[in-house]
Amino acid sequence: MLTFQDILRNKKSSLSFLILIAIISRFPFVLNGFGETDSANLAVSIIDFITYGNKGFLTELYFLDVVPLYVAYIKFVLRLLDNNYSYLPAVMNYTNAVFGTLIVVPSYLLVSRLFNNNIIAFCTSLTFSFVPSIYQSSIYGFPHLIALFFFILSLYFFLTWIDNLRSVWFISSIVALTVAILFKSDIILGSGAYFGLLYIKRRLGKENILLFILVITLSLVSFFLLRRMILGESNGSTTSLSGFTEWFMHFVAPVLSKSISQLIRDQAGPIAYGSGILNFIMATLVIFFYLKHRSIHIIVFIFSWSALPTFLWLILWINSARHNMLSVLPFIVIIFLYIHEKAPRLILLFPVLLTLGNLLVTTPSASTRIPSGSIFQSQSMLDDQANNLHLVAKNIVGLNNNKLVFTTESFRPYLYYEIFSATPRYELTKLDNSCYGIENTSGELRVCIFTGTELILAVNEIITKYRLEKHAIVLPLSTDIDVGDLKEMNYTFYGYERYKFIGKL
């Protein structure tokens, strides 16, 4: 009699099932707006790059030098849409939904070929697709997931080359890795995985090690050359050694001043919760098991892939789940290697048990930095949060006045996007380090970042400095201000909270 396990031993039926589950669980839940501040920052940076090239002031909102192929892709699609920026969130979000669905294919093929076991590959890929960081990245736009897709594909090509030594697979591995780095350059942190594949396959000859180094070298050289072709002469954290050093020290310094509890919550938390808290605990226990039993080939494979990216993001403030997606797949693989070894008849239960367990032990949350295992309830909260941020920004942009808006860094890109979405043609001027002026057909808008405590003082200073007495003043009411003080000032004031537009004060 044909069993479910017999069906899953067939690659085509397994992949068809995995893709179907991924489609059903992702596409109906894709967000309507930008899922996080950096997603909005990236969108605004690309819009300004399209308009002004490298001379755009807002291209610095996100590091375009680390995502050049994503910039080229978005630019190409928007050109097809006549640069109608209102489609941009949908373009970004559904692109990730597509890659979040298809990523089960290279992950399945890689694990299946590596361990010659389709059941382990199926269980790993199914669990992997519902890991909180992977699932969440599949419903809103950001290039990390796309880079991860091509990285895993490159590993599969490299592994195939190890098995049959045909040059087409070696070249394909270089091409796929180059594409991965062009979509998000920090994917290179996982390049030790190529060494791990050679080790686990017992192919660590000098020639193969040199070829492994060649894969990395050619991919990086191609990245630098193609980035210059795509972005032109640009500045950024990876365009010079001094720029990278400055960037690195900027994000390392805050870690040194944090308490142990802060480091556990903000640095280790995204790793554990992003992987799925139950997955993380079980993977940790399995690692100790393999260490105890000196299964060196498994340990080398896991650590060669995940040690460097995990360590680096631990020491850079502030960590996020999407930074650690690169390390998730090897964590999931070792869980099912262990289960297949100890309880093979129960292995098909564990994707369900782990996914449900992650759901039950965490409360729903709209956080993208430390995501919840309750993925569907969290999706609803995240969607509401994104919609409210866009709605507040639309209400501010829609005011029929020249406006001076005080805002926070986290809300700023939503405001810019709604301006550009309503009227794509604009003129942008940089007033100082914290203020920008934007003019379009609907009037003039000044946007200033407020990070202090004396908001009223800042309002008077900016109005006097730039002679904005006739502008409507829009203020964040989450700051500590007395609305009564505003009535003594002869200006028109509007107020907003993070997720709600209050209106005229």
Protein backbone atom coordinates (compact mmCIF):
# COMPACT_ATOMS: atom_id res chain seq x y z
CA MET A 1 0.00 0.00 0.00
CA LEU A 2 1.33 3.45 -0.99
CA THR A 3 2.05 5.62 2.08
CA PHE A 4 2.56 9.38 2.45
CA GLN A 5 6.26 8.75 3.02
CA ASP A 6 6.42 6.84 -0.27
CA ILE A 7 4.89 9.84 -2.06
CA LEU A 8 7.36 12.22 -0.42
CA ARG A 9 10.30 10.14 -1.57
CA ASN A 10 9.48 11.40 -5.07
CA LYS A 11 11.10 14.80 -5.67
CA LYS A 12 8.42 16.14 -8.02
CA SER A 13 5.53 15.34 -5.68
CA SER A 14 7.43 16.71 -2.66
CA LEU A 15 8.31 19.97 -4.41
CA SER A 16 4.77 20.37 -5.75
CA PHE A 17 3.38 19.98 -2.23
CA LEU A 18 5.91 22.42 -0.73
CA ILE A 19 5.21 25.07 -3.39
CA LEU A 20 1.44 24.68 -2.98
CA ILE A 21 1.65 25.12 0.81
CA ALA A 22 3.92 28.16 0.36
CA ILE A 23 1.54 29.81 -2.13
CA ILE A 24 -1.50 29.26 0.11
CA SER A 25 0.29 30.56 3.21
CA ARG A 26 1.90 33.62 1.62
CA PHE A 27 0.03 35.32 -1.21
CA PRO A 28 -3.27 35.94 0.65
CA PHE A 29 -1.29 37.58 3.47
CA VAL A 30 1.01 39.94 1.56
CA LEU A 31 1.05 43.40 3.18
CA ASN A 32 -0.47 46.44 1.50
CA GLY A 33 2.29 48.84 2.56
CA PHE A 34 5.91 48.89 3.67
CA GLY A 35 6.47 46.34 6.42
CA GLU A 36 9.18 48.23 8.29
CA THR A 37 11.04 51.53 8.34
CA ASP A 38 14.05 50.22 6.40
CA SER A 39 11.75 48.91 3.67
CA ALA A 40 10.29 52.41 3.32
CA ASN A 41 13.78 53.96 3.53
CA LEU A 42 14.96 51.71 0.70
CA ALA A 43 11.95 52.59 -1.45
CA VAL A 44 12.47 56.34 -0.95
CA SER A 45 16.21 56.02 -1.66
CA ILE A 46 15.46 54.22 -4.94
CA ILE A 47 12.89 56.86 -5.95
CA ASP A 48 15.41 59.63 -5.29
CA PHE A 49 18.09 57.68 -7.19
CA ILE A 50 15.73 57.39 -10.18
CA THR A 51 15.07 61.15 -10.03
CA TYR A 52 18.51 62.56 -9.19
CA GLY A 53 20.98 59.68 -9.51
CA ASN A 54 23.82 59.66 -6.99
CA LYS A 55 23.30 63.39 -6.37
CA GLY A 56 19.99 62.73 -4.60
CA PHE A 57 19.99 63.70 -0.93
CA LEU A 58 17.59 60.91 0.05
CA THR A 59 19.64 58.12 -1.52
CA GLU A 60 21.48 58.08 1.80
CA LEU A 61 18.39 56.89 3.71
CA TYR A 62 19.41 53.32 2.89
CA PHE A 63 22.74 51.82 1.78
CA LEU A 64 22.15 51.46 -1.97
CA ASP A 65 25.74 50.30 -2.45
CA VAL A 66 24.87 46.96 -0.80
CA VAL A 67 21.72 46.30 -2.91
CA PRO A 68 22.63 47.40 -6.48
CA LEU A 69 20.76 44.68 -8.38
CA TYR A 70 17.63 45.33 -6.32
CA VAL A 71 17.87 49.00 -7.29
CA ALA A 72 18.18 48.02 -10.97
CA TYR A 73 15.25 45.60 -10.69
CA ILE A 74 12.91 48.13 -9.02
CA LYS A 75 13.98 50.84 -11.47
CA PHE A 76 13.20 48.53 -14.43
CA VAL A 77 9.76 47.52 -13.12
CA LEU A 78 8.81 51.12 -12.29
CA ARG A 79 9.79 52.17 -15.81
CA LEU A 80 7.29 49.60 -17.12
CA LEU A 81 4.71 51.19 -14.81
CA ASP A 82 5.51 54.70 -16.11
CA ASN A 83 7.21 55.53 -12.78
CA ASN A 84 3.91 55.38 -10.92
CA TYR A 85 5.27 55.10 -7.40
CA SER A 86 1.89 54.16 -5.93
CA TYR A 87 2.63 50.61 -7.16
CA LEU A 88 5.98 50.40 -5.39
CA PRO A 89 4.88 48.67 -2.14
CA ALA A 90 3.01 46.03 -4.17
CA VAL A 91 6.00 45.48 -6.47
CA MET A 92 8.36 45.03 -3.53
CA ASN A 93 6.00 42.91 -1.42
CA TYR A 94 4.84 40.52 -4.15
CA THR A 95 8.41 40.07 -5.37
CA ASN A 96 9.27 38.74 -1.93
CA ALA A 97 6.16 36.56 -1.92
CA VAL A 98 7.36 34.94 -5.15
CA PHE A 99 10.87 34.29 -3.83
CA GLY A 100 9.49 33.29 -0.42
CA THR A 101 7.49 30.62 -2.24
CA LEU A 102 10.25 29.43 -4.56
CA ILE A 103 12.96 29.29 -1.87
CA VAL A 104 11.68 25.86 -0.84
CA VAL A 105 13.00 24.51 -4.17
CA PRO A 106 16.77 25.16 -3.77
CA SER A 107 16.59 24.39 -0.04
CA TYR A 108 14.95 21.02 -0.79
CA LEU A 109 17.36 20.18 -3.62
CA LEU A 110 20.41 21.14 -1.54
CA VAL A 111 19.46 19.05 1.50
CA SER A 112 18.26 16.13 -0.62
CA ARG A 113 21.53 15.92 -2.55
CA LEU A 114 23.72 16.55 0.50
CA PHE A 115 22.22 13.78 2.65
CA ASN A 116 20.69 11.64 -0.10
CA ASN A 117 17.36 11.65 1.73
CA ASN A 118 14.17 13.21 0.35
CA ILE A 119 12.26 12.87 3.63
CA ILE A 120 14.84 14.94 5.55
CA ALA A 121 14.82 17.46 2.69
CA PHE A 122 11.01 17.70 2.72
CA CYS A 123 10.72 18.15 6.50
CA THR A 124 13.57 20.68 6.55
CA SER A 125 12.10 22.77 3.71
CA LEU A 126 8.56 22.71 5.12
CA THR A 127 9.73 23.81 8.58
CA PHE A 128 12.12 26.35 7.04
CA SER A 129 9.27 28.01 5.10
CA PHE A 130 7.37 28.70 8.36
CA VAL A 131 10.32 29.99 10.38
CA PRO A 132 9.18 33.46 11.62
CA SER A 133 11.94 35.47 9.91
CA ILE A 134 11.54 33.58 6.61
CA TYR A 135 7.76 33.76 6.62
CA GLN A 136 7.66 37.43 7.58
CA SER A 137 10.17 38.31 4.86
CA SER A 138 7.87 36.57 2.37
CA ILE A 139 5.00 39.03 2.91
CA TYR A 140 6.77 42.38 2.61
CA GLY A 141 9.52 43.69 0.37
CA PHE A 142 13.21 43.63 1.22
CA PRO A 143 16.14 42.08 -0.69
CA HIS A 144 17.53 39.80 2.05
CA LEU A 145 15.22 36.94 1.09
CA ILE A 146 15.99 37.25 -2.62
CA ALA A 147 19.72 37.14 -1.88
CA LEU A 148 19.20 34.08 0.32
CA PHE A 149 17.35 32.30 -2.51
CA PHE A 150 20.27 32.75 -4.91
CA PHE A 151 22.81 31.91 -2.20
CA ILE A 152 21.16 28.53 -1.49
CA LEU A 153 20.88 27.97 -5.25
CA SER A 154 24.61 28.66 -5.59
CA LEU A 155 25.36 26.12 -2.85
CA TYR A 156 23.25 23.53 -4.67
CA PHE A 157 25.15 24.15 -7.92
CA PHE A 158 28.47 23.91 -6.06
CA LEU A 159 27.42 20.65 -4.41
CA THR A 160 26.35 19.25 -7.79
CA TRP A 161 29.77 20.19 -9.17
CA ILE A 162 31.45 18.36 -6.26
CA ASP A 163 29.48 15.24 -7.17
CA ASN A 164 30.03 15.20 -10.95
CA LEU A 165 32.83 17.75 -11.63
CA ARG A 166 31.07 19.25 -14.67
CA SER A 167 32.23 22.83 -15.21
CA VAL A 168 28.72 24.07 -16.03
CA TRP A 169 27.74 23.59 -12.37
CA PHE A 170 30.87 25.36 -11.13
CA ILE A 171 30.18 28.36 -13.39
CA SER A 172 26.50 28.34 -12.39
CA SER A 173 27.53 28.48 -8.73
CA ILE A 174 29.66 31.59 -9.38
CA VAL A 175 26.85 33.28 -11.32
CA ALA A 176 24.24 32.53 -8.64
CA LEU A 177 26.51 33.76 -5.84
CA THR A 178 27.26 36.96 -7.78
CA VAL A 179 23.53 37.58 -8.18
CA ALA A 180 23.01 36.91 -4.46
CA ILE A 181 25.71 39.43 -3.46
CA LEU A 182 24.32 42.00 -5.90
CA PHE A 183 20.90 41.72 -4.24
CA LYS A 184 22.34 42.01 -0.70
CA SER A 185 26.08 42.05 -0.24
CA ASP A 186 26.21 40.80 3.36
CA ILE A 187 25.13 37.36 2.09
CA ILE A 188 28.86 36.82 1.51
CA LEU A 189 29.17 36.25 5.27
CA GLY A 190 27.84 32.73 4.72
CA SER A 191 30.49 31.80 2.16
CA GLY A 192 32.15 29.41 4.61
CA ALA A 193 29.30 27.04 3.70
CA TYR A 194 31.18 26.16 0.48
CA PHE A 195 34.07 24.93 2.62
CA GLY A 196 31.56 23.00 4.76
CA LEU A 197 30.22 21.22 1.68
CA LEU A 198 33.73 20.19 0.65
CA TYR A 199 34.42 18.95 4.18
CA ILE A 200 31.23 16.93 4.58
CA LYS A 201 31.79 15.37 1.14
CA ARG A 202 35.44 14.64 2.05
CA ARG A 203 36.77 16.55 -0.96
CA LEU A 204 39.20 18.88 0.83
CA GLY A 205 42.08 18.58 -1.60
CA LYS A 206 44.29 21.60 -2.33
CA GLU A 207 42.81 21.99 -5.80
CA ASN A 208 39.24 22.03 -4.49
CA ILE A 209 40.10 24.53 -1.76
CA LEU A 210 41.63 26.81 -4.41
CA LEU A 211 38.48 26.43 -6.52
CA PHE A 212 36.33 27.30 -3.47
CA ILE A 213 38.40 30.46 -3.01
CA LEU A 214 38.01 31.14 -6.74
CA VAL A 215 34.20 31.00 -6.45
CA ILE A 216 34.25 33.66 -3.72
CA THR A 217 36.89 35.82 -5.44
CA LEU A 218 35.26 35.86 -8.88
CA SER A 219 31.84 36.56 -7.35
CA LEU A 220 33.18 39.52 -5.36
CA VAL A 221 35.10 40.95 -8.32
CA SER A 222 31.98 40.62 -10.47
CA PHE A 223 29.97 42.33 -7.74
CA PHE A 224 32.26 45.36 -7.62
CA LEU A 225 32.37 45.70 -11.42
CA LEU A 226 28.63 45.28 -11.92
CA ARG A 227 27.79 47.58 -9.02
CA ARG A 228 29.76 50.35 -10.66
CA MET A 229 27.88 49.74 -13.93
CA ILE A 230 24.51 49.87 -12.15
CA LEU A 231 25.03 52.71 -9.66
CA GLY A 232 27.91 54.63 -11.21
CA GLU A 233 30.38 56.42 -8.96
CA SER A 234 28.79 56.16 -5.52
CA ASN A 235 29.60 56.57 -1.86
CA GLY A 236 28.64 54.04 0.76
CA SER A 237 29.74 51.80 3.59
CA THR A 238 31.29 49.21 1.23
CA THR A 239 32.81 51.49 -1.40
CA SER A 240 36.01 52.15 0.55
CA LEU A 241 37.93 50.67 3.46
CA SER A 242 37.61 53.90 5.45
CA GLY A 243 33.86 53.99 4.80
CA PHE A 244 33.45 50.40 5.95
CA THR A 245 35.58 50.99 9.05
CA GLU A 246 33.52 54.05 9.97
CA TRP A 247 30.28 52.10 9.45
CA PHE A 248 31.56 49.15 11.49
CA MET A 249 32.70 51.26 14.45
CA HIS A 250 29.44 53.24 14.39
CA PHE A 251 27.43 50.07 15.00
CA VAL A 252 29.91 48.31 17.31
CA ALA A 253 30.32 51.20 19.76
CA PRO A 254 26.78 51.10 21.26
CA VAL A 255 27.11 47.39 22.13
CA LEU A 256 29.96 48.16 24.52
CA SER A 257 27.73 50.36 26.69
CA LYS A 258 24.75 48.00 26.99
CA SER A 259 23.84 45.82 29.96
CA ILE A 260 23.76 42.02 29.76
CA SER A 261 19.95 42.02 29.81
CA GLN A 262 19.84 44.52 26.92
CA LEU A 263 22.30 42.44 24.90
CA ILE A 264 20.28 39.26 25.46
CA ARG A 265 17.03 40.98 24.46
CA ASP A 266 18.23 43.12 21.57
CA GLN A 267 21.16 41.12 20.17
CA ALA A 268 20.44 37.46 20.96
CA GLY A 269 16.63 37.81 20.90
CA PRO A 270 16.37 38.33 17.11
CA ILE A 271 18.43 35.17 16.51
CA ALA A 272 16.31 32.95 18.76
CA TYR A 273 12.89 34.35 17.86
CA GLY A 274 13.74 34.88 14.20
CA SER A 275 14.64 31.18 13.94
CA GLY A 276 11.53 30.18 15.88
CA ILE A 277 12.16 29.90 19.61
CA LEU A 278 11.41 26.15 19.70
CA ASN A 279 13.59 25.54 16.62
CA PHE A 280 16.41 27.49 18.24
CA ILE A 281 16.25 25.56 21.52
CA MET A 282 16.09 22.20 19.78
CA ALA A 283 18.91 23.07 17.34
CA THR A 284 21.09 24.16 20.28
CA LEU A 285 20.49 20.85 22.08
CA VAL A 286 21.24 18.89 18.90
CA ILE A 287 24.50 20.82 18.40
CA PHE A 288 25.57 19.82 21.93
CA PHE A 289 24.62 16.21 21.13
CA TYR A 290 26.79 16.17 18.00
CA LEU A 291 29.64 17.87 19.86
CA LYS A 292 29.45 15.24 22.60
CA HIS A 293 29.49 12.43 20.04
CA ARG A 294 32.23 14.14 18.01
CA SER A 295 30.28 14.20 14.76
CA ILE A 296 32.84 16.62 13.37
CA HIS A 297 31.56 16.62 9.78
CA ILE A 298 28.13 17.86 10.93
CA ILE A 299 29.60 20.47 13.29
CA VAL A 300 31.97 21.82 10.63
CA PHE A 301 29.12 22.09 8.14
CA ILE A 302 26.90 24.02 10.60
CA PHE A 303 29.56 26.39 11.92
CA SER A 304 31.25 27.07 8.58
CA TRP A 305 27.88 28.32 7.33
CA SER A 306 26.46 30.15 10.34
CA ALA A 307 29.26 31.13 12.75
CA LEU A 308 30.52 34.30 11.01
CA PRO A 309 27.14 35.95 10.23
CA THR A 310 25.79 35.06 13.68
CA PHE A 311 28.83 36.48 15.48
CA LEU A 312 29.02 39.63 13.37
CA TRP A 313 25.39 40.62 13.87
CA LEU A 314 25.69 39.86 17.58
CA ILE A 315 28.28 42.61 17.95
CA LEU A 316 26.59 45.19 15.68
CA TRP A 317 23.88 47.35 17.22
CA ILE A 318 21.01 46.76 16.71
CA ASN A 319 20.40 43.18 15.62
CA SER A 320 17.37 42.13 13.59
CA ALA A 321 15.79 38.81 12.58
CA ARG A 322 16.35 39.44 8.87
CA HIS A 323 20.09 39.77 9.48
CA ASN A 324 20.09 36.19 10.76
CA MET A 325 17.98 34.48 8.07
CA LEU A 326 21.23 33.30 6.51
CA SER A 327 21.86 30.95 9.46
CA VAL A 328 18.37 29.45 9.71
CA LEU A 329 18.57 26.60 7.18
CA PRO A 330 21.56 24.77 8.77
CA PHE A 331 19.82 25.05 12.18
CA ILE A 332 16.72 23.34 10.78
CA VAL A 333 18.73 20.72 8.88
CA ILE A 334 20.48 19.37 11.98
CA ILE A 335 17.17 19.03 13.82
CA PHE A 336 15.86 16.66 11.17
CA LEU A 337 19.17 14.83 10.83
CA TYR A 338 18.91 14.04 14.52
CA ILE A 339 15.22 13.07 14.37
CA HIS A 340 15.84 10.84 11.35
CA GLU A 341 18.61 9.14 13.29
CA LYS A 342 16.68 8.69 16.56
CA ALA A 343 12.99 8.51 15.59
CA PRO A 344 12.60 8.12 11.81
CA ARG A 345 8.97 6.98 12.02
CA LEU A 346 7.96 10.23 13.76
CA ILE A 347 9.88 12.59 11.49
CA LEU A 348 6.83 13.78 9.51
CA LEU A 349 5.15 14.96 12.71
CA PHE A 350 7.91 17.37 13.63
CA PRO A 351 7.35 20.12 11.01
CA VAL A 352 3.83 20.47 12.41
CA LEU A 353 4.92 20.14 16.05
CA LEU A 354 7.71 22.71 15.70
CA THR A 355 5.57 25.24 13.81
CA LEU A 356 2.67 24.89 16.26
CA GLY A 357 5.09 24.98 19.18
CA ASN A 358 6.60 28.27 17.99
CA LEU A 359 3.06 29.63 17.68
CA LEU A 360 2.02 28.56 21.19
CA VAL A 361 5.09 29.73 23.12
CA THR A 362 5.14 33.28 21.69
CA THR A 363 2.56 36.04 21.76
CA PRO A 364 1.55 37.79 18.50
CA SER A 365 3.63 40.85 17.67
CA ALA A 366 3.98 43.37 14.85
CA SER A 367 7.74 43.49 15.41
CA THR A 368 9.92 42.68 12.41
CA ARG A 369 13.11 42.85 14.47
CA ILE A 370 12.07 40.16 16.99
CA PRO A 371 9.23 38.37 15.19
CA SER A 372 6.66 36.13 16.83
CA GLY A 373 6.10 32.47 16.02
CA SER A 374 2.39 33.28 15.92
CA ILE A 375 2.88 34.19 12.28
CA PHE A 376 -0.69 34.68 11.05
CA GLN A 377 -1.93 36.80 13.96
CA SER A 378 1.29 38.78 13.79
CA GLN A 379 0.74 39.31 10.05
CA SER A 380 -2.61 40.93 10.80
CA MET A 381 -1.02 43.24 13.38
CA LEU A 382 1.83 44.12 11.02
CA ASP A 383 -0.58 44.85 8.18
CA ASP A 384 -2.64 47.16 10.41
CA GLN A 385 0.52 48.92 11.56
CA ALA A 386 1.74 49.49 7.98
CA ASN A 387 -1.69 50.68 6.82
CA ASN A 388 -1.95 53.15 9.72
CA LEU A 389 1.51 54.58 9.07
CA HIS A 390 0.65 55.16 5.41
CA LEU A 391 -2.73 56.68 6.36
CA VAL A 392 -1.19 59.16 8.81
CA ALA A 393 1.36 60.18 6.17
CA LYS A 394 -1.38 60.61 3.53
CA ASN A 395 -3.39 62.85 5.86
CA ILE A 396 -0.37 65.07 6.50
CA VAL A 397 0.53 65.30 2.80
CA GLY A 398 -3.10 66.05 1.96
CA LEU A 399 -3.25 69.23 4.08
CA ASN A 400 -3.99 72.24 1.83
CA ASN A 401 -1.17 74.35 3.20
CA ASN A 402 2.54 74.82 2.87
CA LYS A 403 3.70 72.60 5.71
CA LEU A 404 6.50 72.30 8.23
CA VAL A 405 6.48 68.75 9.58
CA PHE A 406 8.43 67.59 12.58
CA THR A 407 8.90 63.84 12.56
CA THR A 408 10.96 60.91 13.80
CA GLU A 409 13.44 58.92 11.72
CA SER A 410 11.14 55.88 11.78
CA PHE A 411 8.13 57.76 10.36
CA ARG A 412 10.02 60.03 7.94
CA PRO A 413 10.25 57.63 4.93
CA TYR A 414 6.50 56.96 4.98
CA LEU A 415 5.96 60.71 4.73
CA TYR A 416 8.39 61.06 1.83
CA TYR A 417 6.87 58.11 0.01
CA GLU A 418 3.32 59.51 0.19
CA ILE A 419 4.60 62.83 -1.18
CA PHE A 420 6.31 61.14 -4.13
CA SER A 421 3.42 58.74 -4.68
CA ALA A 422 0.95 61.63 -4.97
CA THR A 423 3.16 63.78 -7.21
CA PRO A 424 6.21 61.97 -8.66
CA ARG A 425 7.86 65.18 -9.92
CA TYR A 426 9.48 67.11 -7.11
CA GLU A 427 12.38 69.39 -6.22
CA LEU A 428 14.35 68.57 -3.13
CA THR A 429 16.68 70.87 -1.21
CA LYS A 430 18.76 70.07 1.85
CA LEU A 431 18.31 72.80 4.45
CA ASP A 432 20.64 71.33 7.08
CA ASN A 433 21.53 67.92 8.53
CA SER A 434 18.03 67.35 9.88
CA CYS A 435 15.73 69.31 7.53
CA TYR A 436 14.76 68.94 3.86
CA GLY A 437 12.54 71.10 1.69
CA ILE A 438 10.30 69.51 -0.95
CA GLU A 439 8.37 71.42 -3.60
CA ASN A 440 5.86 69.89 -6.00
CA THR A 441 2.56 70.80 -7.63
CA SER A 442 0.72 70.58 -4.30
CA GLY A 443 2.92 73.15 -2.57
CA GLU A 444 5.93 73.29 -0.30
CA LEU A 445 6.73 70.92 2.53
CA ARG A 446 9.60 71.12 4.98
CA VAL A 447 10.45 67.92 6.85
CA CYS A 448 12.61 68.13 9.98
CA ILE A 449 13.81 65.31 12.19
CA PHE A 450 13.20 65.99 15.88
CA THR A 451 15.25 63.97 18.36
CA GLY A 452 15.41 66.26 21.40
CA THR A 453 13.02 67.13 24.23
CA GLU A 454 12.35 70.84 23.64
CA LEU A 455 9.99 70.63 20.66
CA ILE A 456 8.49 74.11 21.11
CA LEU A 457 11.99 75.61 21.12
CA ALA A 458 12.84 73.68 17.96
CA VAL A 459 9.64 74.90 16.25
CA ASN A 460 10.46 78.55 16.93
CA GLU A 461 14.07 78.10 15.87
CA ILE A 462 13.21 76.50 12.49
CA ILE A 463 10.39 78.98 11.75
CA THR A 464 12.67 81.94 12.44
CA LYS A 465 15.67 80.47 10.61
CA TYR A 466 13.78 79.72 7.37
CA ARG A 467 10.99 82.35 7.65
CA LEU A 468 8.15 79.85 7.67
CA GLU A 469 5.58 81.95 9.56
CA LYS A 470 2.86 81.20 6.98
CA HIS A 471 3.40 77.42 7.05
CA ALA A 472 1.11 75.02 8.88
CA ILE A 473 3.06 73.26 11.64
CA VAL A 474 2.59 69.50 12.00
CA LEU A 475 3.81 67.99 15.27
CA PRO A 476 4.18 64.47 16.72
CA LEU A 477 2.02 64.39 19.85
CA SER A 478 3.90 61.41 21.26
CA THR A 479 6.56 63.89 22.39
CA ASP A 480 6.24 65.65 25.74
CA ILE A 481 4.51 68.91 24.73
CA ASP A 482 1.72 70.97 26.25
CA VAL A 483 -0.94 71.70 23.63
CA GLY A 484 -1.90 74.76 25.70
CA ASP A 485 1.51 76.29 24.97
CA LEU A 486 0.80 76.03 21.25
CA LYS A 487 -2.31 78.22 21.49
CA GLU A 488 -0.14 81.13 22.61
CA MET A 489 1.77 80.92 19.32
CA ASN A 490 0.21 82.57 16.28
CA TYR A 491 0.51 79.55 13.95
CA THR A 492 -1.76 76.83 12.58
CA PHE A 493 -0.94 73.54 14.28
CA TYR A 494 -1.84 69.97 13.34
CA GLY A 495 -1.02 66.93 15.44
CA TYR A 496 -0.44 63.24 14.83
CA GLU A 497 0.49 60.16 16.78
CA ARG A 498 2.47 57.24 15.39
CA TYR A 499 -0.60 55.40 14.09
CA LYS A 500 -3.26 58.12 14.11
CA PHE A 501 -3.74 61.57 12.55
CA ILE A 502 -5.31 63.88 15.15
CA GLY A 503 -5.96 66.93 12.96
CA LYS A 504 -6.04 70.63 13.78
CA LEU A 505 -5.08 71.53 17.36
